[in-house]
Amino acid sequence: QVQVVESGGGLVQPGGSLRLSCVVSGTIFRIYAMGWYRQAPGKERELVASISRGGITTYGDSVKGRFTISRDNAKDTLYLQMNSLKPEDTAVYYCNVPDQRQQLPWGQGTQVTVSS
């Protein structure tokens, strides 16, 4: 049974940092490209960063230069280092495969709130 579990969210002031983690179990993590998505209230879920099986990264314009995606295949874990956080980064963050044809079951997500 495939499981995706995100963690590391919380409340942080503008300009602060957080590191999100996503552990994938029940499948062979290293064969997938992976991505971090976020969904803000009243908005659609959007892909903000992705990483290929070989470690090539891509970022959305809104997070480029502030967020860093990485993966540890030995630990079946995906990370998102978020720096210089802004109130507009407030959302529930999820990880999954960017290719919708290969997506895994969605996890519960982790809430990130950026507020003073």
PDB file of N, CA and C in Angstrom:
ATOM      1  N   GLN A   1       0.838  -1.181   0.000  1.00  0.00           N
ATOM      2  CA  GLN A   1       0.000   0.000   0.000  1.00  0.00           C
ATOM      3  C   GLN A   1       0.883   1.246   0.000  1.00  0.00           C
ATOM      4  N   VAL A   2       0.674   2.101  -0.984  1.00  0.00           N
ATOM      5  CA  VAL A   2       1.485   3.301  -1.105  1.00  0.00           C
ATOM      6  C   VAL A   2       0.988   4.358  -0.126  1.00  0.00           C
ATOM      7  N   GLN A   3       1.929   4.960   0.589  1.00  0.00           N
ATOM      8  CA  GLN A   3       1.592   6.050   1.512  1.00  0.00           C
ATOM      9  C   GLN A   3       2.529   7.227   1.282  1.00  0.00           C
ATOM     10  N   VAL A   4       1.967   8.414   1.366  1.00  0.00           N
ATOM     11  CA  VAL A   4       2.717   9.658   1.243  1.00  0.00           C
ATOM     12  C   VAL A   4       2.434  10.475   2.497  1.00  0.00           C
ATOM     13  N   VAL A   5       3.478  10.843   3.235  1.00  0.00           N
ATOM     14  CA  VAL A   5       3.299  11.568   4.493  1.00  0.00           C
ATOM     15  C   VAL A   5       4.186  12.807   4.492  1.00  0.00           C
ATOM     16  N   GLU A   6       3.529  13.965   4.504  1.00  0.00           N
ATOM     17  CA  GLU A   6       4.236  15.244   4.544  1.00  0.00           C
ATOM     18  C   GLU A   6       4.324  15.752   5.975  1.00  0.00           C
ATOM     19  N   SER A   7       5.396  16.493   6.273  1.00  0.00           N
ATOM     20  CA  SER A   7       5.560  17.069   7.610  1.00  0.00           C
ATOM     21  C   SER A   7       6.470  18.288   7.524  1.00  0.00           C
ATOM     22  N   GLY A   8       6.537  19.020   8.640  1.00  0.00           N
ATOM     23  CA  GLY A   8       7.464  20.140   8.730  1.00  0.00           C
ATOM     24  C   GLY A   8       6.835  21.512   8.616  1.00  0.00           C
ATOM     25  N   GLY A   9       5.543  21.572   8.372  1.00  0.00           N
ATOM     26  CA  GLY A   9       4.890  22.863   8.277  1.00  0.00           C
ATOM     27  C   GLY A   9       4.749  23.534   9.631  1.00  0.00           C
ATOM     28  N   GLY A  10       4.229  24.760   9.612  1.00  0.00           N
ATOM     29  CA  GLY A  10       4.027  25.484  10.858  1.00  0.00           C
ATOM     30  C   GLY A  10       3.754  26.949  10.594  1.00  0.00           C
ATOM     31  N   LEU A  11       3.782  27.716  11.678  1.00  0.00           N
ATOM     32  CA  LEU A  11       3.577  29.150  11.620  1.00  0.00           C
ATOM     33  C   LEU A  11       4.944  29.836  11.665  1.00  0.00           C
ATOM     34  N   VAL A  12       5.188  30.721  10.714  1.00  0.00           N
ATOM     35  CA  VAL A  12       6.471  31.403  10.648  1.00  0.00           C
ATOM     36  C   VAL A  12       6.243  32.851  10.242  1.00  0.00           C
ATOM     37  N   GLN A  13       7.109  33.731  10.715  1.00  0.00           N
ATOM     38  CA  GLN A  13       6.997  35.151  10.361  1.00  0.00           C
ATOM     39  C   GLN A  13       7.529  35.386   8.955  1.00  0.00           C
ATOM     40  N   PRO A  14       7.060  36.436   8.308  1.00  0.00           N
ATOM     41  CA  PRO A  14       7.615  36.789   6.988  1.00  0.00           C
ATOM     42  C   PRO A  14       9.135  36.922   7.057  1.00  0.00           C
ATOM     43  N   GLY A  15       9.780  36.376   6.041  1.00  0.00           N
ATOM     44  CA  GLY A  15      11.240  36.366   6.024  1.00  0.00           C
ATOM     45  C   GLY A  15      11.853  35.134   6.654  1.00  0.00           C
ATOM     46  N   GLY A  16      11.030  34.332   7.312  1.00  0.00           N
ATOM     47  CA  GLY A  16      11.533  33.138   7.981  1.00  0.00           C
ATOM     48  C   GLY A  16      11.716  31.964   7.046  1.00  0.00           C
ATOM     49  N   SER A  17      12.091  30.827   7.647  1.00  0.00           N
ATOM     50  CA  SER A  17      12.387  29.621   6.877  1.00  0.00           C
ATOM     51  C   SER A  17      11.691  28.412   7.481  1.00  0.00           C
ATOM     52  N   LEU A  18      11.414  27.440   6.630  1.00  0.00           N
ATOM     53  CA  LEU A  18      10.904  26.140   7.040  1.00  0.00           C
ATOM     54  C   LEU A  18      11.488  25.086   6.113  1.00  0.00           C
ATOM     55  N   ARG A  19      11.569  23.858   6.627  1.00  0.00           N
ATOM     56  CA  ARG A  19      11.985  22.730   5.801  1.00  0.00           C
ATOM     57  C   ARG A  19      10.913  21.663   5.861  1.00  0.00           C
ATOM     58  N   LEU A  20      10.329  21.366   4.724  1.00  0.00           N
ATOM     59  CA  LEU A  20       9.305  20.336   4.633  1.00  0.00           C
ATOM     60  C   LEU A  20       9.927  19.007   4.245  1.00  0.00           C
ATOM     61  N   SER A  21       9.315  17.930   4.733  1.00  0.00           N
ATOM     62  CA  SER A  21       9.744  16.584   4.377  1.00  0.00           C
ATOM     63  C   SER A  21       8.549  15.790   3.876  1.00  0.00           C
ATOM     64  N   CYS A  22       8.821  14.829   3.018  1.00  0.00           N
ATOM     65  CA  CYS A  22       7.783  13.947   2.499  1.00  0.00           C
ATOM     66  C   CYS A  22       8.367  12.545   2.383  1.00  0.00           C
ATOM     67  N   VAL A  23       7.796  11.619   3.135  1.00  0.00           N
ATOM     68  CA  VAL A  23       8.247  10.233   3.098  1.00  0.00           C
ATOM     69  C   VAL A  23       7.257   9.408   2.279  1.00  0.00           C
ATOM     70  N   VAL A  24       7.775   8.682   1.321  1.00  0.00           N
ATOM     71  CA  VAL A  24       6.947   7.832   0.463  1.00  0.00           C
ATOM     72  C   VAL A  24       7.262   6.376   0.775  1.00  0.00           C
ATOM     73  N   SER A  25       6.252   5.582   1.046  1.00  0.00           N
ATOM     74  CA  SER A  25       6.447   4.159   1.347  1.00  0.00           C
ATOM     75  C   SER A  25       5.534   3.317   0.476  1.00  0.00           C
ATOM     76  N   GLY A  26       5.886   2.049   0.345  1.00  0.00           N
ATOM     77  CA  GLY A  26       5.052   1.119  -0.409  1.00  0.00           C
ATOM     78  C   GLY A  26       5.313   1.103  -1.895  1.00  0.00           C
ATOM     79  N   THR A  27       6.320   1.825  -2.342  1.00  0.00           N
ATOM     80  CA  THR A  27       6.675   1.830  -3.751  1.00  0.00           C
ATOM     81  C   THR A  27       8.158   2.162  -3.879  1.00  0.00           C
ATOM     82  N   ILE A  28       8.679   2.133  -5.091  1.00  0.00           N
ATOM     83  CA  ILE A  28      10.101   2.391  -5.304  1.00  0.00           C
ATOM     84  C   ILE A  28      10.284   3.877  -5.574  1.00  0.00           C
ATOM     85  N   PHE A  29      10.575   4.615  -4.533  1.00  0.00           N
ATOM     86  CA  PHE A  29      10.640   6.078  -4.585  1.00  0.00           C
ATOM     87  C   PHE A  29      11.588   6.578  -5.671  1.00  0.00           C
ATOM     88  N   ARG A  30      12.729   5.928  -5.818  1.00  0.00           N
ATOM     89  CA  ARG A  30      13.778   6.488  -6.668  1.00  0.00           C
ATOM     90  C   ARG A  30      13.422   6.484  -8.160  1.00  0.00           C
ATOM     91  N   ILE A  31      12.397   5.743  -8.552  1.00  0.00           N
ATOM     92  CA  ILE A  31      12.072   5.688  -9.981  1.00  0.00           C
ATOM     93  C   ILE A  31      11.199   6.853 -10.425  1.00  0.00           C
ATOM     94  N   TYR A  32      10.712   7.641  -9.463  1.00  0.00           N
ATOM     95  CA  TYR A  32       9.792   8.720  -9.788  1.00  0.00           C
ATOM     96  C   TYR A  32      10.464  10.084  -9.774  1.00  0.00           C
ATOM     97  N   ALA A  33      10.111  10.914 -10.759  1.00  0.00           N
ATOM     98  CA  ALA A  33      10.288  12.343 -10.559  1.00  0.00           C
ATOM     99  C   ALA A  33       9.278  12.746  -9.489  1.00  0.00           C
ATOM    100  N   MET A  34       9.625  13.741  -8.688  1.00  0.00           N
ATOM    101  CA  MET A  34       8.734  14.152  -7.595  1.00  0.00           C
ATOM    102  C   MET A  34       8.565  15.659  -7.595  1.00  0.00           C
ATOM    103  N   GLY A  35       7.485  16.097  -6.997  1.00  0.00           N
ATOM    104  CA  GLY A  35       7.238  17.531  -6.933  1.00  0.00           C
ATOM    105  C   GLY A  35       6.549  17.937  -5.657  1.00  0.00           C
ATOM    106  N   TRP A  36       6.669  19.218  -5.346  1.00  0.00           N
ATOM    107  CA  TRP A  36       5.915  19.821  -4.241  1.00  0.00           C
ATOM    108  C   TRP A  36       4.824  20.687  -4.843  1.00  0.00           C
ATOM    109  N   TYR A  37       3.611  20.479  -4.335  1.00  0.00           N
ATOM    110  CA  TYR A  37       2.447  21.258  -4.715  1.00  0.00           C
ATOM    111  C   TYR A  37       1.999  22.072  -3.502  1.00  0.00           C
ATOM    112  N   ARG A  38       1.207  23.097  -3.780  1.00  0.00           N
ATOM    113  CA  ARG A  38       0.566  23.803  -2.676  1.00  0.00           C
ATOM    114  C   ARG A  38      -0.829  24.244  -3.106  1.00  0.00           C
ATOM    115  N   GLN A  39      -1.683  24.356  -2.093  1.00  0.00           N
ATOM    116  CA  GLN A  39      -3.057  24.804  -2.336  1.00  0.00           C
ATOM    117  C   GLN A  39      -3.439  25.815  -1.282  1.00  0.00           C
ATOM    118  N   ALA A  40      -3.664  27.031  -1.715  1.00  0.00           N
ATOM    119  CA  ALA A  40      -4.104  28.097  -0.821  1.00  0.00           C
ATOM    120  C   ALA A  40      -5.626  28.108  -0.786  1.00  0.00           C
ATOM    121  N   PRO A  41      -6.222  28.662   0.273  1.00  0.00           N
ATOM    122  CA  PRO A  41      -7.683  28.704   0.364  1.00  0.00           C
ATOM    123  C   PRO A  41      -8.308  29.372  -0.859  1.00  0.00           C
ATOM    124  N   GLY A  42      -9.290  28.694  -1.450  1.00  0.00           N
ATOM    125  CA  GLY A  42      -9.995  29.244  -2.592  1.00  0.00           C
ATOM    126  C   GLY A  42      -9.256  29.177  -3.902  1.00  0.00           C
ATOM    127  N   LYS A  43      -8.090  28.528  -3.902  1.00  0.00           N
ATOM    128  CA  LYS A  43      -7.297  28.439  -5.130  1.00  0.00           C
ATOM    129  C   LYS A  43      -7.056  26.982  -5.505  1.00  0.00           C
ATOM    130  N   GLU A  44      -6.690  26.774  -6.756  1.00  0.00           N
ATOM    131  CA  GLU A  44      -6.383  25.429  -7.214  1.00  0.00           C
ATOM    132  C   GLU A  44      -4.993  25.011  -6.733  1.00  0.00           C
ATOM    133  N   ARG A  45      -4.814  23.708  -6.646  1.00  0.00           N
ATOM    134  CA  ARG A  45      -3.501  23.175  -6.296  1.00  0.00           C
ATOM    135  C   ARG A  45      -2.522  23.482  -7.427  1.00  0.00           C
ATOM    136  N   GLU A  46      -1.310  23.945  -7.071  1.00  0.00           N
ATOM    137  CA  GLU A  46      -0.312  24.279  -8.076  1.00  0.00           C
ATOM    138  C   GLU A  46       1.017  23.596  -7.747  1.00  0.00           C
ATOM    139  N   LEU A  47       1.724  23.231  -8.811  1.00  0.00           N
ATOM    140  CA  LEU A  47       3.048  22.642  -8.658  1.00  0.00           C
ATOM    141  C   LEU A  47       4.062  23.773  -8.522  1.00  0.00           C
ATOM    142  N   VAL A  48       4.845  23.765  -7.435  1.00  0.00           N
ATOM    143  CA  VAL A  48       5.790  24.861  -7.216  1.00  0.00           C
ATOM    144  C   VAL A  48       7.239  24.458  -7.457  1.00  0.00           C
ATOM    145  N   ALA A  49       7.548  23.168  -7.362  1.00  0.00           N
ATOM    146  CA  ALA A  49       8.919  22.727  -7.576  1.00  0.00           C
ATOM    147  C   ALA A  49       8.907  21.244  -7.925  1.00  0.00           C
ATOM    148  N   SER A  50       9.859  20.830  -8.745  1.00  0.00           N
ATOM    149  CA  SER A  50       9.954  19.414  -9.086  1.00  0.00           C
ATOM    150  C   SER A  50      11.418  19.018  -9.212  1.00  0.00           C
ATOM    151  N   ILE A  51      11.657  17.704  -9.085  1.00  0.00           N
ATOM    152  CA  ILE A  51      13.004  17.170  -9.198  1.00  0.00           C
ATOM    153  C   ILE A  51      12.924  15.847  -9.937  1.00  0.00           C
ATOM    154  N   SER A  52      13.792  15.681 -10.912  1.00  0.00           N
ATOM    155  CA  SER A  52      13.781  14.461 -11.703  1.00  0.00           C
ATOM    156  C   SER A  52      14.440  13.316 -10.929  1.00  0.00           C
ATOM    157  N   ARG A  53      14.387  12.127 -11.506  1.00  0.00           N
ATOM    158  CA  ARG A  53      15.041  10.987 -10.880  1.00  0.00           C
ATOM    159  C   ARG A  53      16.534  11.253 -10.719  1.00  0.00           C
ATOM    160  N   GLY A  54      17.102  11.996 -11.659  1.00  0.00           N
ATOM    161  CA  GLY A  54      18.534  12.274 -11.640  1.00  0.00           C
ATOM    162  C   GLY A  54      18.915  13.539 -10.904  1.00  0.00           C
ATOM    163  N   GLY A  55      17.939  14.241 -10.338  1.00  0.00           N
ATOM    164  CA  GLY A  55      18.251  15.412  -9.527  1.00  0.00           C
ATOM    165  C   GLY A  55      18.140  16.752 -10.231  1.00  0.00           C
ATOM    166  N   ILE A  56      17.600  16.781 -11.437  1.00  0.00           N
ATOM    167  CA  ILE A  56      17.402  18.068 -12.128  1.00  0.00           C
ATOM    168  C   ILE A  56      16.160  18.738 -11.554  1.00  0.00           C
ATOM    169  N   THR A  57      16.306  20.005 -11.184  1.00  0.00           N
ATOM    170  CA  THR A  57      15.235  20.716 -10.491  1.00  0.00           C
ATOM    171  C   THR A  57      14.613  21.808 -11.367  1.00  0.00           C
ATOM    172  N   THR A  58      13.331  22.046 -11.139  1.00  0.00           N
ATOM    173  CA  THR A  58      12.627  23.153 -11.772  1.00  0.00           C
ATOM    174  C   THR A  58      11.750  23.821 -10.727  1.00  0.00           C
ATOM    175  N   TYR A  59      11.514  25.124 -10.909  1.00  0.00           N
ATOM    176  CA  TYR A  59      10.763  25.911  -9.936  1.00  0.00           C
ATOM    177  C   TYR A  59       9.763  26.824 -10.633  1.00  0.00           C
ATOM    178  N   GLY A  60       8.644  27.069  -9.936  1.00  0.00           N
ATOM    179  CA  GLY A  60       7.727  28.077 -10.404  1.00  0.00           C
ATOM    180  C   GLY A  60       8.308  29.461 -10.172  1.00  0.00           C
ATOM    181  N   ASP A  61       7.856  30.413 -10.965  1.00  0.00           N
ATOM    182  CA  ASP A  61       8.400  31.760 -10.874  1.00  0.00           C
ATOM    183  C   ASP A  61       8.201  32.364  -9.488  1.00  0.00           C
ATOM    184  N   SER A  62       7.125  31.999  -8.824  1.00  0.00           N
ATOM    185  CA  SER A  62       6.808  32.608  -7.532  1.00  0.00           C
ATOM    186  C   SER A  62       7.748  32.165  -6.415  1.00  0.00           C
ATOM    187  N   VAL A  63       8.460  31.054  -6.604  1.00  0.00           N
ATOM    188  CA  VAL A  63       9.330  30.552  -5.537  1.00  0.00           C
ATOM    189  C   VAL A  63      10.787  30.477  -5.955  1.00  0.00           C
ATOM    190  N   LYS A  64      11.081  30.754  -7.206  1.00  0.00           N
ATOM    191  CA  LYS A  64      12.443  30.642  -7.716  1.00  0.00           C
ATOM    192  C   LYS A  64      13.383  31.547  -6.927  1.00  0.00           C
ATOM    193  N   GLY A  65      14.516  30.979  -6.519  1.00  0.00           N
ATOM    194  CA  GLY A  65      15.489  31.737  -5.744  1.00  0.00           C
ATOM    195  C   GLY A  65      15.244  31.714  -4.246  1.00  0.00           C
ATOM    196  N   ARG A  66      14.081  31.225  -3.825  1.00  0.00           N
ATOM    197  CA  ARG A  66      13.760  31.176  -2.393  1.00  0.00           C
ATOM    198  C   ARG A  66      13.593  29.745  -1.886  1.00  0.00           C
ATOM    199  N   PHE A  67      13.078  28.872  -2.731  1.00  0.00           N
ATOM    200  CA  PHE A  67      12.831  27.475  -2.344  1.00  0.00           C
ATOM    201  C   PHE A  67      13.854  26.569  -3.010  1.00  0.00           C
ATOM    202  N   THR A  68      14.206  25.477  -2.323  1.00  0.00           N
ATOM    203  CA  THR A  68      15.102  24.468  -2.872  1.00  0.00           C
ATOM    204  C   THR A  68      14.521  23.083  -2.638  1.00  0.00           C
ATOM    205  N   ILE A  69      14.319  22.347  -3.713  1.00  0.00           N
ATOM    206  CA  ILE A  69      13.822  20.983  -3.616  1.00  0.00           C
ATOM    207  C   ILE A  69      14.999  20.022  -3.684  1.00  0.00           C
ATOM    208  N   SER A  70      14.920  18.951  -2.892  1.00  0.00           N
ATOM    209  CA  SER A  70      15.969  17.937  -2.912  1.00  0.00           C
ATOM    210  C   SER A  70      15.353  16.593  -2.542  1.00  0.00           C
ATOM    211  N   ARG A  71      16.133  15.540  -2.741  1.00  0.00           N
ATOM    212  CA  ARG A  71      15.631  14.212  -2.423  1.00  0.00           C
ATOM    213  C   ARG A  71      16.759  13.343  -1.889  1.00  0.00           C
ATOM    214  N   ASP A  72      16.387  12.392  -1.033  1.00  0.00           N
ATOM    215  CA  ASP A  72      17.318  11.400  -0.508  1.00  0.00           C
ATOM    216  C   ASP A  72      16.714  10.042  -0.825  1.00  0.00           C
ATOM    217  N   ASN A  73      17.180   9.428  -1.902  1.00  0.00           N
ATOM    218  CA  ASN A  73      16.582   8.155  -2.315  1.00  0.00           C
ATOM    219  C   ASN A  73      16.830   7.034  -1.307  1.00  0.00           C
ATOM    220  N   ALA A  74      17.907   7.119  -0.554  1.00  0.00           N
ATOM    221  CA  ALA A  74      18.192   6.099   0.460  1.00  0.00           C
ATOM    222  C   ALA A  74      17.168   6.132   1.589  1.00  0.00           C
ATOM    223  N   LYS A  75      16.549   7.305   1.776  1.00  0.00           N
ATOM    224  CA  LYS A  75      15.548   7.452   2.848  1.00  0.00           C
ATOM    225  C   LYS A  75      14.135   7.586   2.295  1.00  0.00           C
ATOM    226  N   ASP A  76      13.982   7.432   0.964  1.00  0.00           N
ATOM    227  CA  ASP A  76      12.655   7.562   0.339  1.00  0.00           C
ATOM    228  C   ASP A  76      11.988   8.875   0.734  1.00  0.00           C
ATOM    229  N   THR A  77      12.763   9.947   0.754  1.00  0.00           N
ATOM    230  CA  THR A  77      12.281  11.214   1.288  1.00  0.00           C
ATOM    231  C   THR A  77      12.565  12.361   0.325  1.00  0.00           C
ATOM    232  N   LEU A  78      11.567  13.227   0.217  1.00  0.00           N
ATOM    233  CA  LEU A  78      11.647  14.453  -0.570  1.00  0.00           C
ATOM    234  C   LEU A  78      11.649  15.633   0.399  1.00  0.00           C
ATOM    235  N   TYR A  79      12.415  16.672   0.079  1.00  0.00           N
ATOM    236  CA  TYR A  79      12.507  17.845   0.944  1.00  0.00           C
ATOM    237  C   TYR A  79      12.171  19.118   0.167  1.00  0.00           C
ATOM    238  N   LEU A  80      11.745  20.133   0.929  1.00  0.00           N
ATOM    239  CA  LEU A  80      11.590  21.470   0.366  1.00  0.00           C
ATOM    240  C   LEU A  80      12.089  22.468   1.402  1.00  0.00           C
ATOM    241  N   GLN A  81      13.228  23.082   1.118  1.00  0.00           N
ATOM    242  CA  GLN A  81      13.753  24.147   1.966  1.00  0.00           C
ATOM    243  C   GLN A  81      13.146  25.454   1.484  1.00  0.00           C
ATOM    244  N   MET A  82      12.462  26.134   2.376  1.00  0.00           N
ATOM    245  CA  MET A  82      11.772  27.375   2.016  1.00  0.00           C
ATOM    246  C   MET A  82      12.376  28.526   2.811  1.00  0.00           C
ATOM    247  N   ASN A  83      12.952  29.472   2.129  1.00  0.00           N
ATOM    248  CA  ASN A  83      13.556  30.645   2.750  1.00  0.00           C
ATOM    249  C   ASN A  83      12.834  31.914   2.304  1.00  0.00           C
ATOM    250  N   SER A  84      13.066  32.987   3.025  1.00  0.00           N
ATOM    251  CA  SER A  84      12.463  34.286   2.686  1.00  0.00           C
ATOM    252  C   SER A  84      10.962  34.148   2.457  1.00  0.00           C
ATOM    253  N   LEU A  85      10.317  33.486   3.374  1.00  0.00           N
ATOM    254  CA  LEU A  85       8.883  33.206   3.204  1.00  0.00           C
ATOM    255  C   LEU A  85       8.053  34.479   3.217  1.00  0.00           C
ATOM    256  N   LYS A  86       6.991  34.451   2.416  1.00  0.00           N
ATOM    257  CA  LYS A  86       6.083  35.592   2.268  1.00  0.00           C
ATOM    258  C   LYS A  86       4.670  35.154   2.661  1.00  0.00           C
ATOM    259  N   PRO A  87       3.815  36.089   3.044  1.00  0.00           N
ATOM    260  CA  PRO A  87       2.431  35.716   3.379  1.00  0.00           C
ATOM    261  C   PRO A  87       1.737  34.961   2.250  1.00  0.00           C
ATOM    262  N   GLU A  88       2.073  35.265   1.020  1.00  0.00           N
ATOM    263  CA  GLU A  88       1.433  34.578  -0.113  1.00  0.00           C
ATOM    264  C   GLU A  88       1.909  33.137  -0.288  1.00  0.00           C
ATOM    265  N   ASP A  89       2.888  32.711   0.500  1.00  0.00           N
ATOM    266  CA  ASP A  89       3.292  31.307   0.507  1.00  0.00           C
ATOM    267  C   ASP A  89       2.395  30.466   1.408  1.00  0.00           C
ATOM    268  N   THR A  90       1.504  31.108   2.142  1.00  0.00           N
ATOM    269  CA  THR A  90       0.594  30.383   3.021  1.00  0.00           C
ATOM    270  C   THR A  90      -0.283  29.433   2.213  1.00  0.00           C
ATOM    271  N   ALA A  91      -0.250  28.152   2.582  1.00  0.00           N
ATOM    272  CA  ALA A  91      -0.988  27.123   1.847  1.00  0.00           C
ATOM    273  C   ALA A  91      -0.770  25.782   2.538  1.00  0.00           C
ATOM    274  N   VAL A  92      -1.513  24.790   2.093  1.00  0.00           N
ATOM    275  CA  VAL A  92      -1.219  23.406   2.454  1.00  0.00           C
ATOM    276  C   VAL A  92      -0.295  22.852   1.373  1.00  0.00           C
ATOM    277  N   TYR A  93       0.800  22.269   1.807  1.00  0.00           N
ATOM    278  CA  TYR A  93       1.813  21.762   0.886  1.00  0.00           C
ATOM    279  C   TYR A  93       1.732  20.239   0.817  1.00  0.00           C
ATOM    280  N   TYR A  94       1.793  19.730  -0.422  1.00  0.00           N
ATOM    281  CA  TYR A  94       1.714  18.299  -0.698  1.00  0.00           C
ATOM    282  C   TYR A  94       2.884  17.882  -1.589  1.00  0.00           C
ATOM    283  N   CYS A  95       3.235  16.613  -1.528  1.00  0.00           N
ATOM    284  CA  CYS A  95       4.197  16.100  -2.497  1.00  0.00           C
ATOM    285  C   CYS A  95       3.532  15.006  -3.319  1.00  0.00           C
ATOM    286  N   ASN A  96       3.954  14.899  -4.571  1.00  0.00           N
ATOM    287  CA  ASN A  96       3.442  13.854  -5.448  1.00  0.00           C
ATOM    288  C   ASN A  96       4.249  13.864  -6.739  1.00  0.00           C
ATOM    289  N   VAL A  97       3.934  12.926  -7.599  1.00  0.00           N
ATOM    290  CA  VAL A  97       4.577  12.819  -8.899  1.00  0.00           C
ATOM    291  C   VAL A  97       4.001  13.899  -9.821  1.00  0.00           C
ATOM    292  N   PRO A  98       4.845  14.660 -10.534  1.00  0.00           N
ATOM    293  CA  PRO A  98       4.319  15.711 -11.407  1.00  0.00           C
ATOM    294  C   PRO A  98       3.485  15.173 -12.577  1.00  0.00           C
ATOM    295  N   ASP A  99       3.817  14.002 -13.064  1.00  0.00           N
ATOM    296  CA  ASP A  99       3.061  13.393 -14.165  1.00  0.00           C
ATOM    297  C   ASP A  99       1.748  12.842 -13.636  1.00  0.00           C
ATOM    298  N   GLN A 100       0.642  13.430 -14.057  1.00  0.00           N
ATOM    299  CA  GLN A 100      -0.660  13.032 -13.513  1.00  0.00           C
ATOM    300  C   GLN A 100      -0.994  11.579 -13.828  1.00  0.00           C
ATOM    301  N   ARG A 101      -0.382  11.014 -14.851  1.00  0.00           N
ATOM    302  CA  ARG A 101      -0.654   9.613 -15.197  1.00  0.00           C
ATOM    303  C   ARG A 101       0.000   8.658 -14.208  1.00  0.00           C
ATOM    304  N   GLN A 102       0.945   9.140 -13.415  1.00  0.00           N
ATOM    305  CA  GLN A 102       1.672   8.280 -12.496  1.00  0.00           C
ATOM    306  C   GLN A 102       1.464   8.658 -11.036  1.00  0.00           C
ATOM    307  N   GLN A 103       0.552   9.572 -10.771  1.00  0.00           N
ATOM    308  CA  GLN A 103       0.464  10.105  -9.420  1.00  0.00           C
ATOM    309  C   GLN A 103       0.105   9.050  -8.381  1.00  0.00           C
ATOM    310  N   LEU A 104       0.654   9.268  -7.200  1.00  0.00           N
ATOM    311  CA  LEU A 104       0.448   8.414  -6.041  1.00  0.00           C
ATOM    312  C   LEU A 104      -0.773   8.912  -5.269  1.00  0.00           C
ATOM    313  N   PRO A 105      -1.256   8.121  -4.317  1.00  0.00           N
ATOM    314  CA  PRO A 105      -2.345   8.630  -3.459  1.00  0.00           C
ATOM    315  C   PRO A 105      -1.892   9.908  -2.756  1.00  0.00           C
ATOM    316  N   TRP A 106      -2.768  10.891  -2.669  1.00  0.00           N
ATOM    317  CA  TRP A 106      -2.397  12.145  -2.028  1.00  0.00           C
ATOM    318  C   TRP A 106      -2.320  11.970  -0.506  1.00  0.00           C
ATOM    319  N   GLY A 107      -1.298  12.589   0.082  1.00  0.00           N
ATOM    320  CA  GLY A 107      -1.193  12.599   1.529  1.00  0.00           C
ATOM    321  C   GLY A 107      -2.095  13.666   2.125  1.00  0.00           C
ATOM    322  N   GLN A 108      -1.950  13.857   3.432  1.00  0.00           N
ATOM    323  CA  GLN A 108      -2.798  14.834   4.118  1.00  0.00           C
ATOM    324  C   GLN A 108      -2.260  16.255   3.972  1.00  0.00           C
ATOM    325  N   GLY A 109      -1.026  16.373   3.523  1.00  0.00           N
ATOM    326  CA  GLY A 109      -0.428  17.695   3.372  1.00  0.00           C
ATOM    327  C   GLY A 109       0.074  18.238   4.698  1.00  0.00           C
ATOM    328  N   THR A 110       0.800  19.349   4.616  1.00  0.00           N
ATOM    329  CA  THR A 110       1.286  20.020   5.815  1.00  0.00           C
ATOM    330  C   THR A 110       1.032  21.520   5.653  1.00  0.00           C
ATOM    331  N   GLN A 111       0.450  22.117   6.687  1.00  0.00           N
ATOM    332  CA  GLN A 111       0.039  23.524   6.620  1.00  0.00           C
ATOM    333  C   GLN A 111       1.228  24.440   6.874  1.00  0.00           C
ATOM    334  N   VAL A 112       1.407  25.396   5.979  1.00  0.00           N
ATOM    335  CA  VAL A 112       2.404  26.448   6.156  1.00  0.00           C
ATOM    336  C   VAL A 112       1.656  27.774   6.246  1.00  0.00           C
ATOM    337  N   THR A 113       1.881  28.489   7.333  1.00  0.00           N
ATOM    338  CA  THR A 113       1.247  29.785   7.530  1.00  0.00           C
ATOM    339  C   THR A 113       2.336  30.826   7.767  1.00  0.00           C
ATOM    340  N   VAL A 114       2.346  31.847   6.926  1.00  0.00           N
ATOM    341  CA  VAL A 114       3.339  32.919   7.041  1.00  0.00           C
ATOM    342  C   VAL A 114       2.601  34.184   7.469  1.00  0.00           C
ATOM    343  N   SER A 115       2.850  34.594   8.698  1.00  0.00           N
ATOM    344  CA  SER A 115       2.111  35.723   9.245  1.00  0.00           C
ATOM    345  C   SER A 115       2.888  36.330  10.402  1.00  0.00           C
ATOM    346  N   SER A 116       2.743  37.637  10.563  1.00  0.00           N
ATOM    347  CA  SER A 116       3.366  38.306  11.704  1.00  0.00           C
ATOM    348  C   SER A 116       2.368  38.413  12.858  1.00  0.00           C
TER     349      SER A 116
END
